[in-house]
Amino acid sequence: VHGEFYNYMKPAKTLSIVFARGFSSRYNIKRHGRVNRIFISGCSGQVGSELTPILESIYGVQNIMVTDTREPAQKPKCTFENLNVLDFEKYSDAVQKFKPDTLIHLPAILSANGEK
């Protein structure tokens, strides 16, 4: 089962490629003929909470889906799903249903919280 999920996500760009190419929607429309669909896990964290509004303004809220185990302090305008990345079945279903071409994986436990 995990191999099937890996094969599905294999063509997705990684975070480093997204940053290396920049957030130019014109580039993506010109190259792919459409705007990227971006799936962000861990949107309530430090990086995710800053990145989500930027991507919403560039790609449009209909092309962004964000997930986390808790609601973000600032509710995103795009689709939000309360989802734990450790629940493989639900995570896999959400990704396959949304059909992103970019997956940004940001879940983490801060050092101070992780050491408790």
Protein backbone atom coordinates (compact mmCIF):
# COMPACT_ATOMS: atom_id res chain seq x y z
CA VAL A 1 0.00 0.00 0.00
CA HIS A 2 2.76 2.46 0.88
CA GLY A 3 4.47 1.72 -2.44
CA GLU A 4 1.31 2.66 -4.34
CA PHE A 5 1.16 5.99 -2.51
CA TYR A 6 4.85 6.63 -3.26
CA ASN A 7 4.30 5.91 -6.96
CA TYR A 8 1.34 8.29 -7.01
CA MET A 9 3.36 11.10 -5.42
CA LYS A 10 6.60 10.42 -7.30
CA PRO A 11 5.97 13.04 -10.02
CA ALA A 12 5.17 15.77 -7.46
CA LYS A 13 7.73 18.54 -7.05
CA THR A 14 9.52 18.88 -3.76
CA LEU A 15 9.68 22.01 -1.62
CA SER A 16 13.23 22.76 -2.77
CA ILE A 17 12.16 22.75 -6.42
CA VAL A 18 9.24 25.05 -5.65
CA PHE A 19 11.56 27.53 -3.95
CA ALA A 20 14.28 27.18 -6.61
CA ARG A 21 11.84 28.06 -9.39
CA GLY A 22 10.09 30.73 -7.35
CA PHE A 23 6.38 31.26 -6.98
CA SER A 24 5.75 32.55 -10.48
CA SER A 25 2.27 31.53 -11.57
CA ARG A 26 3.10 32.76 -15.08
CA TYR A 27 5.89 30.16 -15.28
CA ASN A 28 3.53 27.34 -14.30
CA ILE A 29 0.73 28.43 -16.62
CA LYS A 30 3.16 28.81 -19.53
CA ARG A 31 4.86 25.46 -18.89
CA HIS A 32 1.93 23.30 -17.81
CA GLY A 33 -1.02 25.19 -19.28
CA ARG A 34 -2.62 25.52 -15.84
CA VAL A 35 -2.01 26.78 -12.32
CA ASN A 36 -0.41 24.39 -9.83
CA ARG A 37 -2.56 22.61 -7.26
CA ILE A 38 -0.69 22.69 -3.97
CA PHE A 39 -1.26 20.44 -0.95
CA ILE A 40 0.35 21.64 2.31
CA SER A 41 0.53 19.42 5.38
CA GLY A 42 1.49 21.06 8.67
CA CYS A 43 -0.07 24.43 7.83
CA SER A 44 -0.42 25.56 11.46
CA GLY A 45 3.30 25.63 12.16
CA GLN A 46 5.72 28.52 11.83
CA VAL A 47 6.55 27.98 8.16
CA GLY A 48 3.10 26.78 7.07
CA SER A 49 1.26 29.70 8.65
CA GLU A 50 3.46 32.17 6.75
CA LEU A 51 3.56 30.24 3.47
CA THR A 52 -0.18 29.51 3.10
CA PRO A 53 -1.39 33.14 2.64
CA ILE A 54 1.41 33.80 0.14
CA LEU A 55 0.49 30.79 -1.98
CA GLU A 56 -3.22 31.64 -1.70
CA SER A 57 -2.58 35.09 -3.14
CA ILE A 58 -0.46 33.74 -6.01
CA TYR A 59 -2.27 30.55 -7.04
CA GLY A 60 -5.80 31.27 -5.76
CA VAL A 61 -7.61 29.66 -2.85
CA GLN A 62 -9.26 27.05 -5.10
CA ASN A 63 -5.81 25.59 -5.93
CA ILE A 64 -4.55 25.23 -2.35
CA MET A 65 -5.46 22.62 0.25
CA VAL A 66 -3.96 22.69 3.73
CA THR A 67 -4.01 20.15 6.55
CA ASP A 68 -2.92 19.94 10.17
CA THR A 69 -3.90 18.24 13.41
CA ARG A 70 -5.24 21.53 14.77
CA GLU A 71 -6.96 24.57 13.32
CA PRO A 72 -4.53 27.35 12.40
CA ALA A 73 -4.64 30.52 14.53
CA GLN A 74 -5.45 32.50 11.38
CA LYS A 75 -8.05 30.52 9.43
CA PRO A 76 -6.89 30.02 5.83
CA LYS A 77 -9.17 31.07 2.97
CA CYS A 78 -8.46 27.84 1.12
CA THR A 79 -9.73 24.34 1.92
CA PHE A 80 -8.62 23.15 5.37
CA GLU A 81 -8.85 19.56 6.58
CA ASN A 82 -8.08 18.38 10.11
CA LEU A 83 -5.74 15.52 9.28
CA ASN A 84 -2.93 13.65 11.01
CA VAL A 85 -0.14 12.68 8.61
CA LEU A 86 0.37 9.50 10.65
CA ASP A 87 -3.06 8.27 9.52
CA PHE A 88 -1.91 6.90 6.17
CA GLU A 89 -5.35 5.97 4.81
CA LYS A 90 -6.96 9.38 5.41
CA TYR A 91 -3.85 11.25 4.23
CA SER A 92 -3.63 9.17 1.07
CA ASP A 93 -7.35 9.65 0.36
CA ALA A 94 -7.08 13.44 0.80
CA VAL A 95 -4.08 13.66 -1.55
CA GLN A 96 -5.67 11.46 -4.21
CA LYS A 97 -8.97 13.34 -4.02
CA PHE A 98 -7.35 16.81 -4.32
CA LYS A 99 -4.86 15.64 -7.02
CA PRO A 100 -2.04 18.10 -6.26
CA ASP A 101 0.99 18.45 -8.47
CA THR A 102 2.98 20.02 -5.63
CA LEU A 103 3.14 18.57 -2.12
CA ILE A 104 4.71 20.65 0.67
CA HIS A 105 5.22 18.53 3.76
CA LEU A 106 5.82 20.66 6.90
CA PRO A 107 4.69 18.64 9.96
CA ALA A 108 7.09 18.88 12.89
CA ILE A 109 7.26 18.99 16.65
CA LEU A 110 9.21 21.96 17.96
CA SER A 111 12.21 20.99 20.02
CA ALA A 112 10.82 22.57 23.20
CA ASN A 113 7.53 20.65 22.86
CA GLY A 114 9.18 17.45 21.70
CA GLU A 115 11.41 17.28 24.76
CA LYS A 116 8.50 17.33 27.26
